[in-house]
Amino acid sequence: MIKKHEIYKKDKWNMMTVEVQGRYIILREISDQWGEETHTFMSRPALMQWAESRFPKEEYEDNMEEWRSIMAAFKGV
């Protein structure tokens, strides 16, 4: 069974989804800057470590609410 989570979606060109397929966690990131990137993780801690480096808290000092909602979405995977 595949479980799909939407982390965020601004429009059809800026979004991120996570699929849990058995023991694999597959993250798809679509952006208008880089196109589509796919990352595969073997564990939730590895996913969270990537998320914390991809979305550094310092970059969201002006918008902590957005950072919190993104991190909460990752934790909900």
PDB file of N, CA and C in Angstrom:
ATOM      1  N   MET A   1       0.838  -1.191   0.000  1.00  0.00           N
ATOM      2  CA  MET A   1       0.000   0.000   0.000  1.00  0.00           C
ATOM      3  C   MET A   1       0.884   1.256   0.000  1.00  0.00           C
ATOM      4  N   ILE A   2       0.569   2.171  -0.863  1.00  0.00           N
ATOM      5  CA  ILE A   2       1.325   3.422  -0.962  1.00  0.00           C
ATOM      6  C   ILE A   2       0.543   4.523  -0.254  1.00  0.00           C
ATOM      7  N   LYS A   3       1.220   5.209   0.642  1.00  0.00           N
ATOM      8  CA  LYS A   3       0.600   6.319   1.359  1.00  0.00           C
ATOM      9  C   LYS A   3       1.241   7.604   0.868  1.00  0.00           C
ATOM     10  N   LYS A   4       0.430   8.538   0.379  1.00  0.00           N
ATOM     11  CA  LYS A   4       0.963   9.771  -0.208  1.00  0.00           C
ATOM     12  C   LYS A   4       0.652  10.965   0.694  1.00  0.00           C
ATOM     13  N   HIS A   5       1.654  11.811   0.893  1.00  0.00           N
ATOM     14  CA  HIS A   5       1.508  13.010   1.724  1.00  0.00           C
ATOM     15  C   HIS A   5       1.894  14.227   0.894  1.00  0.00           C
ATOM     16  N   GLU A   6       1.111  15.274   1.007  1.00  0.00           N
ATOM     17  CA  GLU A   6       1.470  16.534   0.354  1.00  0.00           C
ATOM     18  C   GLU A   6       2.121  17.420   1.410  1.00  0.00           C
ATOM     19  N   ILE A   7       3.363  17.807   1.168  1.00  0.00           N
ATOM     20  CA  ILE A   7       4.093  18.633   2.136  1.00  0.00           C
ATOM     21  C   ILE A   7       3.704  20.092   1.942  1.00  0.00           C
ATOM     22  N   TYR A   8       3.774  20.557   0.731  1.00  0.00           N
ATOM     23  CA  TYR A   8       3.274  21.892   0.428  1.00  0.00           C
ATOM     24  C   TYR A   8       2.964  21.972  -1.054  1.00  0.00           C
ATOM     25  N   LYS A   9       2.135  22.920  -1.403  1.00  0.00           N
ATOM     26  CA  LYS A   9       1.808  23.133  -2.812  1.00  0.00           C
ATOM     27  C   LYS A   9       1.455  24.595  -2.988  1.00  0.00           C
ATOM     28  N   LYS A  10       2.286  25.290  -3.746  1.00  0.00           N
ATOM     29  CA  LYS A  10       1.987  26.692  -4.038  1.00  0.00           C
ATOM     30  C   LYS A  10       1.219  26.779  -5.339  1.00  0.00           C
ATOM     31  N   ASP A  11       1.650  25.981  -6.318  1.00  0.00           N
ATOM     32  CA  ASP A  11       0.952  25.865  -7.601  1.00  0.00           C
ATOM     33  C   ASP A  11       1.475  24.578  -8.240  1.00  0.00           C
ATOM     34  N   LYS A  12       1.117  24.318  -9.484  1.00  0.00           N
ATOM     35  CA  LYS A  12       1.533  23.037 -10.062  1.00  0.00           C
ATOM     36  C   LYS A  12       3.028  22.957 -10.364  1.00  0.00           C
ATOM     37  N   TRP A  13       3.758  24.071 -10.228  1.00  0.00           N
ATOM     38  CA  TRP A  13       5.201  24.062 -10.472  1.00  0.00           C
ATOM     39  C   TRP A  13       6.019  24.128  -9.194  1.00  0.00           C
ATOM     40  N   ASN A  14       5.409  24.355  -8.073  1.00  0.00           N
ATOM     41  CA  ASN A  14       6.142  24.449  -6.806  1.00  0.00           C
ATOM     42  C   ASN A  14       5.413  23.625  -5.760  1.00  0.00           C
ATOM     43  N   MET A  15       5.806  22.364  -5.668  1.00  0.00           N
ATOM     44  CA  MET A  15       5.136  21.475  -4.729  1.00  0.00           C
ATOM     45  C   MET A  15       6.082  20.356  -4.312  1.00  0.00           C
ATOM     46  N   MET A  16       5.696  19.683  -3.239  1.00  0.00           N
ATOM     47  CA  MET A  16       6.494  18.577  -2.733  1.00  0.00           C
ATOM     48  C   MET A  16       5.551  17.517  -2.190  1.00  0.00           C
ATOM     49  N   THR A  17       5.762  16.279  -2.617  1.00  0.00           N
ATOM     50  CA  THR A  17       4.964  15.177  -2.106  1.00  0.00           C
ATOM     51  C   THR A  17       5.900  14.086  -1.590  1.00  0.00           C
ATOM     52  N   VAL A  18       5.393  13.310  -0.653  1.00  0.00           N
ATOM     53  CA  VAL A  18       6.140  12.191  -0.099  1.00  0.00           C
ATOM     54  C   VAL A  18       5.260  10.960  -0.196  1.00  0.00           C
ATOM     55  N   GLU A  19       5.831   9.864  -0.712  1.00  0.00           N
ATOM     56  CA  GLU A  19       5.118   8.587  -0.767  1.00  0.00           C
ATOM     57  C   GLU A  19       5.854   7.598   0.111  1.00  0.00           C
ATOM     58  N   VAL A  20       5.095   6.879   0.924  1.00  0.00           N
ATOM     59  CA  VAL A  20       5.674   5.819   1.740  1.00  0.00           C
ATOM     60  C   VAL A  20       5.329   4.509   1.050  1.00  0.00           C
ATOM     61  N   GLN A  21       6.361   3.812   0.572  1.00  0.00           N
ATOM     62  CA  GLN A  21       6.181   2.537  -0.130  1.00  0.00           C
ATOM     63  C   GLN A  21       6.938   1.475   0.644  1.00  0.00           C
ATOM     64  N   GLY A  22       6.224   0.783   1.521  1.00  0.00           N
ATOM     65  CA  GLY A  22       6.893  -0.205   2.363  1.00  0.00           C
ATOM     66  C   GLY A  22       7.906   0.481   3.253  1.00  0.00           C
ATOM     67  N   ARG A  23       9.178   0.070   3.139  1.00  0.00           N
ATOM     68  CA  ARG A  23      10.194   0.710   3.979  1.00  0.00           C
ATOM     69  C   ARG A  23      10.886   1.869   3.290  1.00  0.00           C
ATOM     70  N   TYR A  24      10.494   2.179   2.086  1.00  0.00           N
ATOM     71  CA  TYR A  24      11.086   3.306   1.362  1.00  0.00           C
ATOM     72  C   TYR A  24      10.211   4.544   1.477  1.00  0.00           C
ATOM     73  N   ILE A  25      10.855   5.682   1.601  1.00  0.00           N
ATOM     74  CA  ILE A  25      10.146   6.966   1.605  1.00  0.00           C
ATOM     75  C   ILE A  25      10.666   7.728   0.388  1.00  0.00           C
ATOM     76  N   ILE A  26       9.762   8.016  -0.541  1.00  0.00           N
ATOM     77  CA  ILE A  26      10.157   8.673  -1.787  1.00  0.00           C
ATOM     78  C   ILE A  26       9.592  10.082  -1.807  1.00  0.00           C
ATOM     79  N   LEU A  27      10.496  11.044  -1.911  1.00  0.00           N
ATOM     80  CA  LEU A  27      10.113  12.445  -1.911  1.00  0.00           C
ATOM     81  C   LEU A  27      10.261  12.992  -3.329  1.00  0.00           C
ATOM     82  N   ARG A  28       9.228  13.653  -3.815  1.00  0.00           N
ATOM     83  CA  ARG A  28       9.289  14.303  -5.123  1.00  0.00           C
ATOM     84  C   ARG A  28       9.127  15.796  -4.916  1.00  0.00           C
ATOM     85  N   GLU A  29      10.097  16.517  -5.427  1.00  0.00           N
ATOM     86  CA  GLU A  29      10.077  17.971  -5.305  1.00  0.00           C
ATOM     87  C   GLU A  29      10.014  18.548  -6.712  1.00  0.00           C
ATOM     88  N   ILE A  30       8.991  19.341  -6.980  1.00  0.00           N
ATOM     89  CA  ILE A  30       8.837  19.974  -8.281  1.00  0.00           C
ATOM     90  C   ILE A  30       8.963  21.476  -8.066  1.00  0.00           C
ATOM     91  N   SER A  31       9.893  22.088  -8.787  1.00  0.00           N
ATOM     92  CA  SER A  31      10.043  23.535  -8.662  1.00  0.00           C
ATOM     93  C   SER A  31      10.253  24.142 -10.040  1.00  0.00           C
ATOM     94  N   ASP A  32       9.861  25.400 -10.170  1.00  0.00           N
ATOM     95  CA  ASP A  32      10.043  26.071 -11.454  1.00  0.00           C
ATOM     96  C   ASP A  32      11.524  26.373 -11.703  1.00  0.00           C
ATOM     97  N   GLN A  33      12.371  26.282 -10.673  1.00  0.00           N
ATOM     98  CA  GLN A  33      13.805  26.539 -10.848  1.00  0.00           C
ATOM     99  C   GLN A  33      14.568  25.288 -11.278  1.00  0.00           C
ATOM    100  N   TRP A  34      14.283  24.143 -10.654  1.00  0.00           N
ATOM    101  CA  TRP A  34      15.096  22.947 -10.871  1.00  0.00           C
ATOM    102  C   TRP A  34      14.363  21.810 -11.566  1.00  0.00           C
ATOM    103  N   GLY A  35      13.103  21.972 -11.883  1.00  0.00           N
ATOM    104  CA  GLY A  35      12.352  20.859 -12.460  1.00  0.00           C
ATOM    105  C   GLY A  35      11.953  19.882 -11.379  1.00  0.00           C
ATOM    106  N   GLU A  36      12.005  18.584 -11.681  1.00  0.00           N
ATOM    107  CA  GLU A  36      11.594  17.577 -10.690  1.00  0.00           C
ATOM    108  C   GLU A  36      12.817  16.848 -10.162  1.00  0.00           C
ATOM    109  N   GLU A  37      12.871  16.746  -8.839  1.00  0.00           N
ATOM    110  CA  GLU A  37      13.918  15.983  -8.177  1.00  0.00           C
ATOM    111  C   GLU A  37      13.262  14.909  -7.339  1.00  0.00           C
ATOM    112  N   THR A  38      13.849  13.731  -7.322  1.00  0.00           N
ATOM    113  CA  THR A  38      13.334  12.638  -6.512  1.00  0.00           C
ATOM    114  C   THR A  38      14.419  12.192  -5.547  1.00  0.00           C
ATOM    115  N   HIS A  39      14.031  12.022  -4.297  1.00  0.00           N
ATOM    116  CA  HIS A  39      14.956  11.545  -3.263  1.00  0.00           C
ATOM    117  C   HIS A  39      14.325  10.312  -2.621  1.00  0.00           C
ATOM    118  N   THR A  40      15.141   9.308  -2.339  1.00  0.00           N
ATOM    119  CA  THR A  40      14.656   8.099  -1.674  1.00  0.00           C
ATOM    120  C   THR A  40      15.352   7.972  -0.326  1.00  0.00           C
ATOM    121  N   PHE A  41      14.545   7.756   0.715  1.00  0.00           N
ATOM    122  CA  PHE A  41      15.073   7.616   2.075  1.00  0.00           C
ATOM    123  C   PHE A  41      14.705   6.247   2.614  1.00  0.00           C
ATOM    124  N   MET A  42      15.567   5.705   3.449  1.00  0.00           N
ATOM    125  CA  MET A  42      15.315   4.394   4.053  1.00  0.00           C
ATOM    126  C   MET A  42      14.654   4.516   5.429  1.00  0.00           C
ATOM    127  N   SER A  43      14.626   5.732   5.994  1.00  0.00           N
ATOM    128  CA  SER A  43      14.058   5.891   7.336  1.00  0.00           C
ATOM    129  C   SER A  43      13.493   7.293   7.502  1.00  0.00           C
ATOM    130  N   ARG A  44      12.600   7.431   8.472  1.00  0.00           N
ATOM    131  CA  ARG A  44      12.051   8.749   8.780  1.00  0.00           C
ATOM    132  C   ARG A  44      13.116   9.699   9.337  1.00  0.00           C
ATOM    133  N   PRO A  45      14.036   9.225  10.221  1.00  0.00           N
ATOM    134  CA  PRO A  45      15.092  10.133  10.684  1.00  0.00           C
ATOM    135  C   PRO A  45      15.925  10.690   9.531  1.00  0.00           C
ATOM    136  N   ALA A  46      16.204   9.880   8.503  1.00  0.00           N
ATOM    137  CA  ALA A  46      16.967  10.363   7.342  1.00  0.00           C
ATOM    138  C   ALA A  46      16.156  11.428   6.599  1.00  0.00           C
ATOM    139  N   LEU A  47      14.861  11.217   6.473  1.00  0.00           N
ATOM    140  CA  LEU A  47      13.986  12.206   5.831  1.00  0.00           C
ATOM    141  C   LEU A  47      14.000  13.516   6.613  1.00  0.00           C
ATOM    142  N   MET A  48      13.885  13.430   7.943  1.00  0.00           N
ATOM    143  CA  MET A  48      13.860  14.639   8.774  1.00  0.00           C
ATOM    144  C   MET A  48      15.196  15.375   8.717  1.00  0.00           C
ATOM    145  N   GLN A  49      16.295  14.632   8.674  1.00  0.00           N
ATOM    146  CA  GLN A  49      17.619  15.264   8.585  1.00  0.00           C
ATOM    147  C   GLN A  49      17.720  16.037   7.270  1.00  0.00           C
ATOM    148  N   TRP A  50      17.239  15.441   6.178  1.00  0.00           N
ATOM    149  CA  TRP A  50      17.252  16.121   4.883  1.00  0.00           C
ATOM    150  C   TRP A  50      16.361  17.363   4.935  1.00  0.00           C
ATOM    151  N   ALA A  51      15.161  17.216   5.517  1.00  0.00           N
ATOM    152  CA  ALA A  51      14.203  18.329   5.579  1.00  0.00           C
ATOM    153  C   ALA A  51      14.781  19.512   6.357  1.00  0.00           C
ATOM    154  N   GLU A  52      15.467  19.214   7.455  1.00  0.00           N
ATOM    155  CA  GLU A  52      16.035  20.296   8.263  1.00  0.00           C
ATOM    156  C   GLU A  52      17.177  21.009   7.537  1.00  0.00           C
ATOM    157  N   SER A  53      17.918  20.291   6.680  1.00  0.00           N
ATOM    158  CA  SER A  53      18.973  20.970   5.915  1.00  0.00           C
ATOM    159  C   SER A  53      18.393  21.670   4.687  1.00  0.00           C
ATOM    160  N   ARG A  54      17.315  21.137   4.126  1.00  0.00           N
ATOM    161  CA  ARG A  54      16.669  21.742   2.947  1.00  0.00           C
ATOM    162  C   ARG A  54      15.888  23.009   3.326  1.00  0.00           C
ATOM    163  N   PHE A  55      15.303  23.009   4.527  1.00  0.00           N
ATOM    164  CA  PHE A  55      14.521  24.149   5.009  1.00  0.00           C
ATOM    165  C   PHE A  55      15.139  24.676   6.300  1.00  0.00           C
ATOM    166  N   PRO A  56      16.315  25.326   6.220  1.00  0.00           N
ATOM    167  CA  PRO A  56      16.953  25.824   7.447  1.00  0.00           C
ATOM    168  C   PRO A  56      16.078  26.863   8.148  1.00  0.00           C
ATOM    169  N   LYS A  57      15.962  26.698   9.443  1.00  0.00           N
ATOM    170  CA  LYS A  57      15.118  27.582  10.252  1.00  0.00           C
ATOM    171  C   LYS A  57      15.488  29.050  10.068  1.00  0.00           C
ATOM    172  N   GLU A  58      16.778  29.317   9.897  1.00  0.00           N
ATOM    173  CA  GLU A  58      17.255  30.705   9.767  1.00  0.00           C
ATOM    174  C   GLU A  58      16.630  31.413   8.565  1.00  0.00           C
ATOM    175  N   GLU A  59      16.358  30.665   7.497  1.00  0.00           N
ATOM    176  CA  GLU A  59      15.784  31.276   6.295  1.00  0.00           C
ATOM    177  C   GLU A  59      14.321  31.678   6.477  1.00  0.00           C
ATOM    178  N   TYR A  60      13.708  31.193   7.553  1.00  0.00           N
ATOM    179  CA  TYR A  60      12.281  31.466   7.769  1.00  0.00           C
ATOM    180  C   TYR A  60      12.045  32.359   8.975  1.00  0.00           C
ATOM    181  N   GLU A  61      13.062  33.126   9.384  1.00  0.00           N
ATOM    182  CA  GLU A  61      12.910  33.997  10.555  1.00  0.00           C
ATOM    183  C   GLU A  61      11.754  34.965  10.389  1.00  0.00           C
ATOM    184  N   ASP A  62      11.498  35.400   9.164  1.00  0.00           N
ATOM    185  CA  ASP A  62      10.376  36.313   8.914  1.00  0.00           C
ATOM    186  C   ASP A  62       9.040  35.588   8.840  1.00  0.00           C
ATOM    187  N   ASN A  63       9.086  34.275   8.653  1.00  0.00           N
ATOM    188  CA  ASN A  63       7.843  33.514   8.490  1.00  0.00           C
ATOM    189  C   ASN A  63       7.951  32.162   9.192  1.00  0.00           C
ATOM    190  N   MET A  64       8.024  32.196  10.509  1.00  0.00           N
ATOM    191  CA  MET A  64       8.162  30.962  11.293  1.00  0.00           C
ATOM    192  C   MET A  64       6.953  30.048  11.148  1.00  0.00           C
ATOM    193  N   GLU A  65       5.795  30.639  10.892  1.00  0.00           N
ATOM    194  CA  GLU A  65       4.582  29.825  10.752  1.00  0.00           C
ATOM    195  C   GLU A  65       4.692  28.893   9.547  1.00  0.00           C
ATOM    196  N   GLU A  66       5.229  29.396   8.442  1.00  0.00           N
ATOM    197  CA  GLU A  66       5.407  28.559   7.248  1.00  0.00           C
ATOM    198  C   GLU A  66       6.400  27.435   7.539  1.00  0.00           C
ATOM    199  N   TRP A  67       7.511  27.766   8.222  1.00  0.00           N
ATOM    200  CA  TRP A  67       8.507  26.751   8.566  1.00  0.00           C
ATOM    201  C   TRP A  67       7.896  25.673   9.457  1.00  0.00           C
ATOM    202  N   ARG A  68       7.134  26.098  10.465  1.00  0.00           N
ATOM    203  CA  ARG A  68       6.497  25.133  11.375  1.00  0.00           C
ATOM    204  C   ARG A  68       5.539  24.208  10.625  1.00  0.00           C
ATOM    205  N   SER A  69       4.766  24.775   9.682  1.00  0.00           N
ATOM    206  CA  SER A  69       3.803  23.934   8.960  1.00  0.00           C
ATOM    207  C   SER A  69       4.524  22.948   8.038  1.00  0.00           C
ATOM    208  N   ILE A  70       5.635  23.359   7.429  1.00  0.00           N
ATOM    209  CA  ILE A  70       6.406  22.438   6.580  1.00  0.00           C
ATOM    210  C   ILE A  70       6.991  21.312   7.439  1.00  0.00           C
ATOM    211  N   MET A  71       7.590  21.652   8.576  1.00  0.00           N
ATOM    212  CA  MET A  71       8.182  20.632   9.457  1.00  0.00           C
ATOM    213  C   MET A  71       7.093  19.699  10.018  1.00  0.00           C
ATOM    214  N   ALA A  72       5.937  20.263  10.352  1.00  0.00           N
ATOM    215  CA  ALA A  72       4.847  19.423  10.865  1.00  0.00           C
ATOM    216  C   ALA A  72       4.389  18.448   9.789  1.00  0.00           C
ATOM    217  N   ALA A  73       4.362  18.884   8.536  1.00  0.00           N
ATOM    218  CA  ALA A  73       3.974  17.982   7.447  1.00  0.00           C
ATOM    219  C   ALA A  73       4.974  16.847   7.304  1.00  0.00           C
ATOM    220  N   PHE A  74       6.267  17.149   7.421  1.00  0.00           N
ATOM    221  CA  PHE A  74       7.287  16.084   7.352  1.00  0.00           C
ATOM    222  C   PHE A  74       7.134  15.124   8.518  1.00  0.00           C
ATOM    223  N   LYS A  75       6.891  15.654   9.713  1.00  0.00           N
ATOM    224  CA  LYS A  75       6.752  14.792  10.887  1.00  0.00           C
ATOM    225  C   LYS A  75       5.526  13.893  10.786  1.00  0.00           C
ATOM    226  N   GLY A  76       4.515  14.355  10.024  1.00  0.00           N
ATOM    227  CA  GLY A  76       3.297  13.574   9.861  1.00  0.00           C
ATOM    228  C   GLY A  76       3.424  12.405   8.888  1.00  0.00           C
ATOM    229  N   VAL A  77       4.584  12.314   8.223  1.00  0.00           N
ATOM    230  CA  VAL A  77       4.785  11.236   7.246  1.00  0.00           C
ATOM    231  C   VAL A  77       4.951   9.919   7.969  1.00  0.00           C
TER     232      VAL A  77
END
